[in-house]
Amino acid sequence: SGTLLSLLCKKSVTATAGNMGIAL
């Protein structure tokens, strides 16, 4: 899921926040 979000988000911090949100 982090790989997918890394493609969808231009910034690493945005992708990280999204993946953390999935886990939470």
mmCIF file of all heavy atoms, coordinates in Angstrom:
data_MODEL
# 
_entry.id   MODEL 
# 
loop_
_atom_site.group_PDB 
_atom_site.id 
_atom_site.type_symbol 
_atom_site.label_atom_id 
_atom_site.label_alt_id 
_atom_site.label_comp_id 
_atom_site.label_asym_id 
_atom_site.label_entity_id 
_atom_site.label_seq_id 
_atom_site.pdbx_PDB_ins_code 
_atom_site.Cartn_x 
_atom_site.Cartn_y 
_atom_site.Cartn_z 
_atom_site.occupancy 
_atom_site.B_iso_or_equiv 
_atom_site.pdbx_formal_charge 
_atom_site.auth_seq_id 
_atom_site.auth_comp_id 
_atom_site.auth_asym_id 
_atom_site.auth_atom_id 
_atom_site.pdbx_PDB_model_num 
ATOM 1   N N   . SER A 1 1  ? 0.836  -1.207 0.000  1.00 0.00 ? 1  SER A N   1 
ATOM 2   C CA  . SER A 1 1  ? 0.000  0.000  0.000  1.00 0.00 ? 1  SER A CA  1 
ATOM 3   C C   . SER A 1 1  ? 0.868  1.253  0.000  1.00 0.00 ? 1  SER A C   1 
ATOM 4   O O   . SER A 1 1  ? 0.518  2.265  -0.611 1.00 0.00 ? 1  SER A O   1 
ATOM 5   C CB  . SER A 1 1  ? -0.941 -0.002 1.207  1.00 0.00 ? 1  SER A CB  1 
ATOM 6   O OG  . SER A 1 1  ? -0.221 0.034  2.430  1.00 0.00 ? 1  SER A OG  1 
ATOM 7   N N   . GLY A 1 2  ? 2.025  1.201  0.669  1.00 0.00 ? 2  GLY A N   1 
ATOM 8   C CA  . GLY A 1 2  ? 2.945  2.331  0.636  1.00 0.00 ? 2  GLY A CA  1 
ATOM 9   C C   . GLY A 1 2  ? 3.491  2.577  -0.758 1.00 0.00 ? 2  GLY A C   1 
ATOM 10  O O   . GLY A 1 2  ? 3.679  3.732  -1.169 1.00 0.00 ? 2  GLY A O   1 
ATOM 11  N N   . THR A 1 3  ? 3.750  1.502  -1.508 1.00 0.00 ? 3  THR A N   1 
ATOM 12  C CA  . THR A 1 3  ? 4.201  1.655  -2.891 1.00 0.00 ? 3  THR A CA  1 
ATOM 13  C C   . THR A 1 3  ? 3.131  2.330  -3.741 1.00 0.00 ? 3  THR A C   1 
ATOM 14  O O   . THR A 1 3  ? 3.417  3.216  -4.556 1.00 0.00 ? 3  THR A O   1 
ATOM 15  C CB  . THR A 1 3  ? 4.559  0.283  -3.479 1.00 0.00 ? 3  THR A CB  1 
ATOM 16  O OG1 . THR A 1 3  ? 5.588  -0.325 -2.684 1.00 0.00 ? 3  THR A OG1 1 
ATOM 17  C CG2 . THR A 1 3  ? 5.053  0.407  -4.916 1.00 0.00 ? 3  THR A CG2 1 
ATOM 18  N N   . LEU A 1 4  ? 1.875  1.908  -3.552 1.00 0.00 ? 4  LEU A N   1 
ATOM 19  C CA  . LEU A 1 4  ? 0.770  2.531  -4.288 1.00 0.00 ? 4  LEU A CA  1 
ATOM 20  C C   . LEU A 1 4  ? 0.642  4.013  -3.934 1.00 0.00 ? 4  LEU A C   1 
ATOM 21  O O   . LEU A 1 4  ? 0.523  4.866  -4.834 1.00 0.00 ? 4  LEU A O   1 
ATOM 22  C CB  . LEU A 1 4  ? -0.530 1.799  -3.972 1.00 0.00 ? 4  LEU A CB  1 
ATOM 23  C CG  . LEU A 1 4  ? -1.819 2.423  -4.514 1.00 0.00 ? 4  LEU A CG  1 
ATOM 24  C CD1 . LEU A 1 4  ? -1.781 2.510  -6.038 1.00 0.00 ? 4  LEU A CD1 1 
ATOM 25  C CD2 . LEU A 1 4  ? -3.026 1.633  -4.045 1.00 0.00 ? 4  LEU A CD2 1 
ATOM 26  N N   . LEU A 1 5  ? 0.663  4.331  -2.645 1.00 0.00 ? 5  LEU A N   1 
ATOM 27  C CA  . LEU A 1 5  ? 0.522  5.725  -2.233 1.00 0.00 ? 5  LEU A CA  1 
ATOM 28  C C   . LEU A 1 5  ? 1.716  6.564  -2.677 1.00 0.00 ? 5  LEU A C   1 
ATOM 29  O O   . LEU A 1 5  ? 1.574  7.760  -2.944 1.00 0.00 ? 5  LEU A O   1 
ATOM 30  C CB  . LEU A 1 5  ? 0.362  5.806  -0.716 1.00 0.00 ? 5  LEU A CB  1 
ATOM 31  C CG  . LEU A 1 5  ? -0.976 5.295  -0.181 1.00 0.00 ? 5  LEU A CG  1 
ATOM 32  C CD1 . LEU A 1 5  ? -0.958 5.234  1.337  1.00 0.00 ? 5  LEU A CD1 1 
ATOM 33  C CD2 . LEU A 1 5  ? -2.119 6.184  -0.654 1.00 0.00 ? 5  LEU A CD2 1 
ATOM 34  N N   . SER A 1 6  ? 2.882  5.930  -2.774 1.00 0.00 ? 6  SER A N   1 
ATOM 35  C CA  . SER A 1 6  ? 4.057  6.647  -3.250 1.00 0.00 ? 6  SER A CA  1 
ATOM 36  C C   . SER A 1 6  ? 3.903  7.056  -4.709 1.00 0.00 ? 6  SER A C   1 
ATOM 37  O O   . SER A 1 6  ? 4.465  8.061  -5.144 1.00 0.00 ? 6  SER A O   1 
ATOM 38  C CB  . SER A 1 6  ? 5.302  5.771  -3.072 1.00 0.00 ? 6  SER A CB  1 
ATOM 39  O OG  . SER A 1 6  ? 6.481  6.504  -3.319 1.00 0.00 ? 6  SER A OG  1 
ATOM 40  N N   . LEU A 1 7  ? 3.131  6.280  -5.454 1.00 0.00 ? 7  LEU A N   1 
ATOM 41  C CA  . LEU A 1 7  ? 2.829  6.642  -6.841 1.00 0.00 ? 7  LEU A CA  1 
ATOM 42  C C   . LEU A 1 7  ? 1.764  7.732  -6.917 1.00 0.00 ? 7  LEU A C   1 
ATOM 43  O O   . LEU A 1 7  ? 1.827  8.618  -7.770 1.00 0.00 ? 7  LEU A O   1 
ATOM 44  C CB  . LEU A 1 7  ? 2.339  5.410  -7.605 1.00 0.00 ? 7  LEU A CB  1 
ATOM 45  C CG  . LEU A 1 7  ? 3.377  4.524  -8.277 1.00 0.00 ? 7  LEU A CG  1 
ATOM 46  C CD1 . LEU A 1 7  ? 2.712  3.253  -8.780 1.00 0.00 ? 7  LEU A CD1 1 
ATOM 47  C CD2 . LEU A 1 7  ? 4.053  5.257  -9.423 1.00 0.00 ? 7  LEU A CD2 1 
ATOM 48  N N   . LEU A 1 8  ? 0.788  7.644  -6.041 1.00 0.00 ? 8  LEU A N   1 
ATOM 49  C CA  . LEU A 1 8  ? -0.340 8.569  -6.101 1.00 0.00 ? 8  LEU A CA  1 
ATOM 50  C C   . LEU A 1 8  ? -0.007 9.937  -5.518 1.00 0.00 ? 8  LEU A C   1 
ATOM 51  O O   . LEU A 1 8  ? -0.621 10.935 -5.916 1.00 0.00 ? 8  LEU A O   1 
ATOM 52  C CB  . LEU A 1 8  ? -1.536 7.973  -5.347 1.00 0.00 ? 8  LEU A CB  1 
ATOM 53  C CG  . LEU A 1 8  ? -2.120 6.680  -5.919 1.00 0.00 ? 8  LEU A CG  1 
ATOM 54  C CD1 . LEU A 1 8  ? -3.207 6.145  -5.003 1.00 0.00 ? 8  LEU A CD1 1 
ATOM 55  C CD2 . LEU A 1 8  ? -2.673 6.910  -7.326 1.00 0.00 ? 8  LEU A CD2 1 
ATOM 56  N N   . CYS A 1 9  ? 0.935  9.993  -4.581 1.00 0.00 ? 9  CYS A N   1 
ATOM 57  C CA  . CYS A 1 9  ? 1.257  11.255 -3.894 1.00 0.00 ? 9  CYS A CA  1 
ATOM 58  C C   . CYS A 1 9  ? 2.605  11.778 -4.385 1.00 0.00 ? 9  CYS A C   1 
ATOM 59  O O   . CYS A 1 9  ? 3.563  11.018 -4.529 1.00 0.00 ? 9  CYS A O   1 
ATOM 60  C CB  . CYS A 1 9  ? 1.307  11.042 -2.383 1.00 0.00 ? 9  CYS A CB  1 
ATOM 61  S SG  . CYS A 1 9  ? -0.217 10.384 -1.678 1.00 0.00 ? 9  CYS A SG  1 
ATOM 62  N N   . LYS A 1 10 ? 2.687  13.047 -4.608 1.00 0.00 ? 10 LYS A N   1 
ATOM 63  C CA  . LYS A 1 10 ? 3.921  13.651 -5.092 1.00 0.00 ? 10 LYS A CA  1 
ATOM 64  C C   . LYS A 1 10 ? 4.960  13.795 -3.991 1.00 0.00 ? 10 LYS A C   1 
ATOM 65  O O   . LYS A 1 10 ? 6.154  13.793 -4.266 1.00 0.00 ? 10 LYS A O   1 
ATOM 66  C CB  . LYS A 1 10 ? 3.615  15.017 -5.708 1.00 0.00 ? 10 LYS A CB  1 
ATOM 67  C CG  . LYS A 1 10 ? 2.780  14.946 -6.982 1.00 0.00 ? 10 LYS A CG  1 
ATOM 68  C CD  . LYS A 1 10 ? 2.572  16.321 -7.580 1.00 0.00 ? 10 LYS A CD  1 
ATOM 69  C CE  . LYS A 1 10 ? 1.767  16.229 -8.873 1.00 0.00 ? 10 LYS A CE  1 
ATOM 70  N NZ  . LYS A 1 10 ? 1.548  17.568 -9.491 1.00 0.00 ? 10 LYS A NZ  1 
ATOM 71  N N   . LYS A 1 11 ? 4.508  13.938 -2.752 1.00 0.00 ? 11 LYS A N   1 
ATOM 72  C CA  . LYS A 1 11 ? 5.419  14.136 -1.630 1.00 0.00 ? 11 LYS A CA  1 
ATOM 73  C C   . LYS A 1 11 ? 5.455  12.897 -0.738 1.00 0.00 ? 11 LYS A C   1 
ATOM 74  O O   . LYS A 1 11 ? 4.418  12.289 -0.465 1.00 0.00 ? 11 LYS A O   1 
ATOM 75  C CB  . LYS A 1 11 ? 5.000  15.349 -0.798 1.00 0.00 ? 11 LYS A CB  1 
ATOM 76  C CG  . LYS A 1 11 ? 5.056  16.678 -1.548 1.00 0.00 ? 11 LYS A CG  1 
ATOM 77  C CD  . LYS A 1 11 ? 6.497  17.058 -1.867 1.00 0.00 ? 11 LYS A CD  1 
ATOM 78  C CE  . LYS A 1 11 ? 6.566  18.453 -2.497 1.00 0.00 ? 11 LYS A CE  1 
ATOM 79  N NZ  . LYS A 1 11 ? 7.956  18.835 -2.816 1.00 0.00 ? 11 LYS A NZ  1 
ATOM 80  N N   . SER A 1 12 ? 6.643  12.554 -0.260 1.00 0.00 ? 12 SER A N   1 
ATOM 81  C CA  . SER A 1 12 ? 6.785  11.387 0.618  1.00 0.00 ? 12 SER A CA  1 
ATOM 82  C C   . SER A 1 12 ? 5.996  11.553 1.905  1.00 0.00 ? 12 SER A C   1 
ATOM 83  O O   . SER A 1 12 ? 5.417  10.591 2.418  1.00 0.00 ? 12 SER A O   1 
ATOM 84  C CB  . SER A 1 12 ? 8.269  11.162 0.946  1.00 0.00 ? 12 SER A CB  1 
ATOM 85  O OG  . SER A 1 12 ? 9.011  10.892 -0.209 1.00 0.00 ? 12 SER A OG  1 
ATOM 86  N N   . VAL A 1 13 ? 5.969  12.759 2.452  1.00 0.00 ? 13 VAL A N   1 
ATOM 87  C CA  . VAL A 1 13 ? 5.274  12.971 3.720  1.00 0.00 ? 13 VAL A CA  1 
ATOM 88  C C   . VAL A 1 13 ? 3.778  12.734 3.569  1.00 0.00 ? 13 VAL A C   1 
ATOM 89  O O   . VAL A 1 13 ? 3.127  12.199 4.483  1.00 0.00 ? 13 VAL A O   1 
ATOM 90  C CB  . VAL A 1 13 ? 5.564  14.397 4.258  1.00 0.00 ? 13 VAL A CB  1 
ATOM 91  C CG1 . VAL A 1 13 ? 5.006  15.473 3.322  1.00 0.00 ? 13 VAL A CG1 1 
ATOM 92  C CG2 . VAL A 1 13 ? 5.024  14.563 5.663  1.00 0.00 ? 13 VAL A CG2 1 
ATOM 93  N N   . THR A 1 14 ? 3.223  13.096 2.402  1.00 0.00 ? 14 THR A N   1 
ATOM 94  C CA  . THR A 1 14 ? 1.798  12.851 2.172  1.00 0.00 ? 14 THR A CA  1 
ATOM 95  C C   . THR A 1 14 ? 1.512  11.361 2.070  1.00 0.00 ? 14 THR A C   1 
ATOM 96  O O   . THR A 1 14 ? 0.535  10.862 2.633  1.00 0.00 ? 14 THR A O   1 
ATOM 97  C CB  . THR A 1 14 ? 1.343  13.560 0.882  1.00 0.00 ? 14 THR A CB  1 
ATOM 98  O OG1 . THR A 1 14 ? 1.706  14.938 0.941  1.00 0.00 ? 14 THR A OG1 1 
ATOM 99  C CG2 . THR A 1 14 ? -0.159 13.437 0.695  1.00 0.00 ? 14 THR A CG2 1 
ATOM 100 N N   . ALA A 1 15 ? 2.380  10.646 1.344  1.00 0.00 ? 15 ALA A N   1 
ATOM 101 C CA  . ALA A 1 15 ? 2.208  9.198  1.220  1.00 0.00 ? 15 ALA A CA  1 
ATOM 102 C C   . ALA A 1 15 ? 2.347  8.511  2.570  1.00 0.00 ? 15 ALA A C   1 
ATOM 103 O O   . ALA A 1 15 ? 1.601  7.577  2.889  1.00 0.00 ? 15 ALA A O   1 
ATOM 104 C CB  . ALA A 1 15 ? 3.234  8.647  0.228  1.00 0.00 ? 15 ALA A CB  1 
ATOM 105 N N   . THR A 1 16 ? 3.296  8.976  3.387  1.00 0.00 ? 16 THR A N   1 
ATOM 106 C CA  . THR A 1 16 ? 3.487  8.394  4.716  1.00 0.00 ? 16 THR A CA  1 
ATOM 107 C C   . THR A 1 16 ? 2.262  8.606  5.589  1.00 0.00 ? 16 THR A C   1 
ATOM 108 O O   . THR A 1 16 ? 1.802  7.691  6.280  1.00 0.00 ? 16 THR A O   1 
ATOM 109 C CB  . THR A 1 16 ? 4.719  9.010  5.388  1.00 0.00 ? 16 THR A CB  1 
ATOM 110 O OG1 . THR A 1 16 ? 5.880  8.727  4.601  1.00 0.00 ? 16 THR A OG1 1 
ATOM 111 C CG2 . THR A 1 16 ? 4.914  8.442  6.790  1.00 0.00 ? 16 THR A CG2 1 
ATOM 112 N N   . ALA A 1 17 ? 1.724  9.818  5.566  1.00 0.00 ? 17 ALA A N   1 
ATOM 113 C CA  . ALA A 1 17 ? 0.525  10.108 6.351  1.00 0.00 ? 17 ALA A CA  1 
ATOM 114 C C   . ALA A 1 17 ? -0.639 9.233  5.911  1.00 0.00 ? 17 ALA A C   1 
ATOM 115 O O   . ALA A 1 17 ? -1.406 8.725  6.740  1.00 0.00 ? 17 ALA A O   1 
ATOM 116 C CB  . ALA A 1 17 ? 0.165  11.584 6.228  1.00 0.00 ? 17 ALA A CB  1 
ATOM 117 N N   . GLY A 1 18 ? -0.787 9.030  4.602  1.00 0.00 ? 18 GLY A N   1 
ATOM 118 C CA  . GLY A 1 18 ? -1.860 8.180  4.101  1.00 0.00 ? 18 GLY A CA  1 
ATOM 119 C C   . GLY A 1 18 ? -1.705 6.733  4.531  1.00 0.00 ? 18 GLY A C   1 
ATOM 120 O O   . GLY A 1 18 ? -2.680 6.075  4.933  1.00 0.00 ? 18 GLY A O   1 
ATOM 121 N N   . ASN A 1 19 ? -0.472 6.215  4.474  1.00 0.00 ? 19 ASN A N   1 
ATOM 122 C CA  . ASN A 1 19 ? -0.243 4.822  4.866  1.00 0.00 ? 19 ASN A CA  1 
ATOM 123 C C   . ASN A 1 19 ? -0.415 4.637  6.368  1.00 0.00 ? 19 ASN A C   1 
ATOM 124 O O   . ASN A 1 19 ? -0.945 3.613  6.828  1.00 0.00 ? 19 ASN A O   1 
ATOM 125 C CB  . ASN A 1 19 ? 1.162  4.387  4.442  1.00 0.00 ? 19 ASN A CB  1 
ATOM 126 C CG  . ASN A 1 19 ? 1.202  2.938  4.002  1.00 0.00 ? 19 ASN A CG  1 
ATOM 127 O OD1 . ASN A 1 19 ? 0.211  2.385  3.531  1.00 0.00 ? 19 ASN A OD1 1 
ATOM 128 N ND2 . ASN A 1 19 ? 2.355  2.313  4.130  1.00 0.00 ? 19 ASN A ND2 1 
ATOM 129 N N   . MET A 1 20 ? 0.022  5.612  7.150  1.00 0.00 ? 20 MET A N   1 
ATOM 130 C CA  . MET A 1 20 ? -0.212 5.546  8.594  1.00 0.00 ? 20 MET A CA  1 
ATOM 131 C C   . MET A 1 20 ? -1.710 5.591  8.884  1.00 0.00 ? 20 MET A C   1 
ATOM 132 O O   . MET A 1 20 ? -2.192 4.911  9.790  1.00 0.00 ? 20 MET A O   1 
ATOM 133 C CB  . MET A 1 20 ? 0.495  6.714  9.284  1.00 0.00 ? 20 MET A CB  1 
ATOM 134 C CG  . MET A 1 20 ? 2.002  6.634  9.244  1.00 0.00 ? 20 MET A CG  1 
ATOM 135 S SD  . MET A 1 20 ? 2.685  5.404  10.368 1.00 0.00 ? 20 MET A SD  1 
ATOM 136 C CE  . MET A 1 20 ? 2.415  6.220  11.935 1.00 0.00 ? 20 MET A CE  1 
ATOM 137 N N   . GLY A 1 21 ? -2.427 6.387  8.098  1.00 0.00 ? 21 GLY A N   1 
ATOM 138 C CA  . GLY A 1 21 ? -3.876 6.450  8.273  1.00 0.00 ? 21 GLY A CA  1 
ATOM 139 C C   . GLY A 1 21 ? -4.539 5.114  7.999  1.00 0.00 ? 21 GLY A C   1 
ATOM 140 O O   . GLY A 1 21 ? -5.489 4.725  8.701  1.00 0.00 ? 21 GLY A O   1 
ATOM 141 N N   . ILE A 1 22 ? -4.062 4.389  6.977  1.00 0.00 ? 22 ILE A N   1 
ATOM 142 C CA  . ILE A 1 22 ? -4.604 3.057  6.691  1.00 0.00 ? 22 ILE A CA  1 
ATOM 143 C C   . ILE A 1 22 ? -4.391 2.133  7.882  1.00 0.00 ? 22 ILE A C   1 
ATOM 144 O O   . ILE A 1 22 ? -5.301 1.407  8.307  1.00 0.00 ? 22 ILE A O   1 
ATOM 145 C CB  . ILE A 1 22 ? -3.944 2.478  5.422  1.00 0.00 ? 22 ILE A CB  1 
ATOM 146 C CG1 . ILE A 1 22 ? -4.411 3.250  4.185  1.00 0.00 ? 22 ILE A CG1 1 
ATOM 147 C CG2 . ILE A 1 22 ? -4.272 0.988  5.267  1.00 0.00 ? 22 ILE A CG2 1 
ATOM 148 C CD1 . ILE A 1 22 ? -3.712 2.829  2.906  1.00 0.00 ? 22 ILE A CD1 1 
ATOM 149 N N   . ALA A 1 23 ? -3.167 2.134  8.430  1.00 0.00 ? 23 ALA A N   1 
ATOM 150 C CA  . ALA A 1 23 ? -2.864 1.267  9.577  1.00 0.00 ? 23 ALA A CA  1 
ATOM 151 C C   . ALA A 1 23 ? -3.734 1.619  10.782 1.00 0.00 ? 23 ALA A C   1 
ATOM 152 O O   . ALA A 1 23 ? -4.288 0.730  11.446 1.00 0.00 ? 23 ALA A O   1 
ATOM 153 C CB  . ALA A 1 23 ? -1.381 1.381  9.926  1.00 0.00 ? 23 ALA A CB  1 
ATOM 154 N N   . LEU A 1 24 ? -3.859 2.903  11.079 1.00 0.00 ? 24 LEU A N   1 
ATOM 155 C CA  . LEU A 1 24 ? -4.667 3.322  12.232 1.00 0.00 ? 24 LEU A CA  1 
ATOM 156 C C   . LEU A 1 24 ? -6.138 2.992  12.029 1.00 0.00 ? 24 LEU A C   1 
ATOM 157 O O   . LEU A 1 24 ? -6.828 2.571  12.966 1.00 0.00 ? 24 LEU A O   1 
ATOM 158 C CB  . LEU A 1 24 ? -4.489 4.819  12.468 1.00 0.00 ? 24 LEU A CB  1 
ATOM 159 C CG  . LEU A 1 24 ? -3.120 5.264  13.001 1.00 0.00 ? 24 LEU A CG  1 
ATOM 160 C CD1 . LEU A 1 24 ? -3.027 6.775  13.035 1.00 0.00 ? 24 LEU A CD1 1 
ATOM 161 C CD2 . LEU A 1 24 ? -2.864 4.681  14.380 1.00 0.00 ? 24 LEU A CD2 1 
# 
